[in-house]
Protein backbone atom coordinates (compact mmCIF):
# COMPACT_ATOMS: atom_id res chain seq x y z
CA UNK A 1 67.99 -45.56 0.63
CA UNK A 2 70.10 -44.69 3.48
CA UNK A 3 73.82 -44.26 2.64
CA UNK A 4 76.05 -46.92 4.61
CA UNK A 5 77.56 -45.54 7.65
CA UNK A 6 81.57 -45.54 7.65
CA UNK A 7 83.47 -48.01 8.75
CA UNK A 8 85.28 -46.81 11.95
CA UNK A 9 89.05 -46.79 11.86
CA UNK A 10 91.16 -49.25 12.96
CA UNK A 11 94.68 -50.21 13.86
CA UNK A 12 94.90 -51.88 10.28
CA UNK A 13 93.85 -49.03 8.28
CA UNK A 14 96.18 -46.80 6.40
CA UNK A 15 95.34 -43.80 8.02
CA UNK A 16 95.97 -44.61 11.24
CA UNK A 17 98.99 -47.00 10.76
CA UNK A 18 102.34 -45.12 11.41
CA UNK A 19 103.54 -43.74 7.99
CA UNK A 20 107.23 -43.29 7.04
CA UNK A 21 107.55 -40.53 9.09
CA UNK A 22 106.03 -41.64 12.27
CA UNK A 23 107.77 -44.35 15.08
CA UNK A 24 106.44 -47.37 15.29
CA UNK A 25 107.20 -48.36 18.42
CA UNK A 26 109.84 -47.06 22.19
CA UNK A 27 112.68 -49.93 20.59
CA UNK A 28 112.73 -47.39 17.20
CA UNK A 29 112.62 -44.25 18.96
CA UNK A 30 115.21 -45.19 22.04
CA UNK A 31 118.35 -45.56 19.87
CA UNK A 32 117.26 -42.04 17.81
CA UNK A 33 116.97 -40.52 21.92
CA UNK A 34 120.04 -42.21 23.22
CA UNK A 35 121.73 -40.66 20.39
CA UNK A 36 120.66 -37.19 21.09
CA UNK A 37 121.38 -37.55 24.58
CA UNK A 38 124.93 -39.06 24.64
CA UNK A 39 125.80 -35.86 21.55
CA UNK A 40 127.89 -33.44 23.39
CA UNK A 41 126.39 -29.92 22.16
CA UNK A 42 128.60 -27.06 20.80
CA UNK A 43 128.23 -24.01 19.04
CA UNK A 44 129.29 -25.89 15.56
CA UNK A 45 126.68 -28.84 16.21
CA UNK A 46 123.81 -27.02 17.80
CA UNK A 47 121.38 -26.09 14.93
CA UNK A 48 121.83 -29.85 13.73
CA UNK A 49 121.12 -31.19 17.15
CA UNK A 50 118.07 -29.11 17.68
CA UNK A 51 116.88 -30.28 13.99
CA UNK A 52 117.77 -33.85 14.85
CA UNK A 53 115.58 -33.45 17.63
CA UNK A 54 113.14 -31.50 16.09
CA UNK A 55 112.53 -34.44 13.44
CA UNK A 56 112.40 -37.08 16.40
CA UNK A 57 109.28 -35.07 17.94
CA UNK A 58 107.73 -35.26 14.96
CA UNK A 59 107.80 -38.59 14.31
CA UNK A 60 106.48 -39.21 17.99
CA UNK A 61 103.92 -36.84 17.62
CA UNK A 62 102.64 -37.86 14.38
CA UNK A 63 102.14 -41.53 15.60
CA UNK A 64 100.45 -40.28 19.24
CA UNK A 65 98.07 -38.03 17.08
CA UNK A 66 97.15 -41.31 14.99
CA UNK A 67 96.68 -43.24 17.69
CA UNK A 68 94.24 -40.77 19.62
CA UNK A 69 92.04 -40.41 16.50
CA UNK A 70 91.74 -44.17 16.50
CA UNK A 71 90.77 -44.28 20.16
CA UNK A 72 88.34 -41.46 19.62
CA UNK A 73 87.11 -43.68 16.61
CA UNK A 74 86.81 -46.52 18.48
CA UNK A 75 86.28 -45.90 22.24
CA UNK A 76 86.16 -50.09 23.49
CA UNK A 77 89.76 -51.19 21.32
CA UNK A 78 91.71 -51.54 24.83
CA UNK A 79 94.60 -52.58 22.03
CA UNK A 80 95.03 -48.53 20.48
CA UNK A 81 95.50 -47.23 24.46
CA UNK A 82 97.76 -49.77 24.72
CA UNK A 83 100.20 -48.61 21.96
CA UNK A 84 100.01 -45.26 23.05
CA UNK A 85 103.89 -44.28 24.44
């Protein structure tokens, strides 16, 4: 008896869903980006600003990576492609 092939991941699978660190939509990312954009940079806050930028970028990249993996697993799912930012 052959083992069952693994089911393809879908957007409902936990491995594909954004985790607590991933951004789930542009509506979630936009205020964070606007806050960074509106913060005047000084010598005192530069390190903190760069840390905040890096965290935002990491969260956006995590979401994109999850959706890219899901799209490679199911190339016929237009919902996956539509959700990439």
